[in-house]
Amino acid sequence: MNATKECYNLYEKEGIKYLKLDIADEDSKRISKYFKTAYEFIDNALEEQPTNSVLVHCAQGKSRSATIVIMFLMKKMCWPYEKVIDGLLKLTW
């Protein structure tokens, strides 16, 4: 999932499925209007093939992509924000 205005879908021709969300990296931008589309894309990809992976990226990897991943986990797992953050911080990178 490409959550940027500024990046193009580099590997689209190689059979990788993309969802391009034209989200500007601005504090005033309401990212929540993209939540339903983003959630459905990730959920469908993971349910379609259990071995699928989904990469969610933005230009710097700290705001738009993180927000979408946190939203997905909160909704899919019915977890509050604090539990998602705690779980992400415990991951071994």
Protein backbone atom coordinates (compact mmCIF):
# COMPACT_ATOMS: atom_id res chain seq x y z
CA MET A 1 0.00 0.00 0.00
CA ASN A 2 1.46 3.28 -1.13
CA ALA A 3 0.23 6.03 1.22
CA THR A 4 1.92 8.93 -0.53
CA LYS A 5 1.30 11.60 -3.09
CA GLU A 6 4.98 11.78 -3.99
CA CYS A 7 5.95 8.12 -4.65
CA TYR A 8 4.89 6.03 -7.60
CA ASN A 9 4.18 2.29 -7.64
CA LEU A 10 7.61 1.01 -8.65
CA TYR A 11 6.89 -2.73 -8.95
CA GLU A 12 3.35 -2.65 -10.31
CA LYS A 13 4.42 -4.24 -13.59
CA GLU A 14 5.90 -7.22 -11.74
CA GLY A 15 2.51 -8.44 -10.55
CA ILE A 16 2.49 -6.82 -7.13
CA LYS A 17 -0.94 -5.48 -6.20
CA TYR A 18 -0.97 -1.89 -5.04
CA LEU A 19 -3.40 0.41 -3.40
CA LYS A 20 -2.29 4.00 -3.96
CA LEU A 21 -3.67 6.46 -1.45
CA ASP A 22 -2.80 10.01 -2.43
CA ILE A 23 -2.23 11.29 1.09
CA ALA A 24 -0.21 14.47 1.46
CA ASP A 25 2.22 14.54 4.40
CA GLU A 26 0.57 17.49 6.12
CA ASP A 27 -0.59 17.80 9.73
CA SER A 28 -3.94 19.18 8.61
CA LYS A 29 -4.69 16.23 6.29
CA ARG A 30 -7.53 13.99 7.52
CA ILE A 31 -6.12 10.52 7.01
CA SER A 32 -9.22 8.92 8.55
CA LYS A 33 -11.12 9.34 5.28
CA TYR A 34 -8.83 6.62 3.83
CA PHE A 35 -9.32 4.13 6.69
CA LYS A 36 -12.16 2.09 5.17
CA THR A 37 -10.39 1.63 1.83
CA ALA A 38 -7.07 0.83 3.50
CA TYR A 39 -8.63 -1.64 5.93
CA GLU A 40 -10.49 -3.50 3.17
CA PHE A 41 -7.37 -3.72 0.99
CA ILE A 42 -5.20 -5.16 3.79
CA ASP A 43 -7.89 -7.49 5.11
CA ASN A 44 -8.72 -8.83 1.64
CA ALA A 45 -5.07 -9.40 0.80
CA LEU A 46 -4.44 -11.35 3.99
CA GLU A 47 -7.63 -13.39 3.75
CA GLU A 48 -7.26 -14.13 0.03
CA GLN A 49 -4.01 -15.98 0.61
CA PRO A 50 -2.88 -16.65 4.21
CA THR A 51 0.77 -16.51 3.13
CA ASN A 52 0.38 -13.02 1.66
CA SER A 53 2.22 -10.09 3.16
CA VAL A 54 1.24 -6.45 2.98
CA LEU A 55 3.76 -3.64 2.95
CA VAL A 56 2.36 -0.27 3.96
CA HIS A 57 4.70 2.58 3.15
CA CYS A 58 4.85 6.32 2.98
CA ALA A 59 7.78 8.60 2.23
CA GLN A 60 9.38 8.62 5.69
CA GLY A 61 7.68 5.66 7.39
CA LYS A 62 6.66 7.46 10.55
CA SER A 63 3.24 8.98 10.18
CA ARG A 64 0.95 7.95 7.32
CA SER A 65 1.98 4.29 7.14
CA ALA A 66 2.18 3.90 10.92
CA THR A 67 -1.29 5.38 11.32
CA ILE A 68 -2.77 2.95 8.79
CA VAL A 69 -1.11 -0.09 10.40
CA ILE A 70 -2.25 0.98 13.87
CA MET A 71 -5.79 1.55 12.59
CA PHE A 72 -5.84 -1.90 10.95
CA LEU A 73 -4.70 -3.69 14.11
CA MET A 74 -7.14 -1.77 16.29
CA LYS A 75 -10.06 -2.68 14.06
CA LYS A 76 -9.08 -6.25 13.16
CA MET A 77 -8.08 -7.29 16.67
CA CYS A 78 -10.58 -5.03 18.51
CA TRP A 79 -7.68 -3.67 20.53
CA PRO A 80 -7.43 -0.22 22.07
CA TYR A 81 -4.67 2.07 20.86
CA GLU A 82 -2.49 1.42 23.93
CA LYS A 83 -2.52 -2.36 23.38
CA VAL A 84 -1.50 -1.98 19.73
CA ILE A 85 1.37 0.35 20.61
CA ASP A 86 2.51 -1.92 23.45
CA GLY A 87 2.46 -4.91 21.11
CA LEU A 88 4.38 -3.10 18.38
CA LEU A 89 7.03 -1.95 20.85
CA LYS A 90 7.59 -5.57 21.96
CA LEU A 91 8.31 -6.80 18.43
CA THR A 92 11.84 -7.93 17.78
CA TRP A 93 13.14 -6.07 14.76
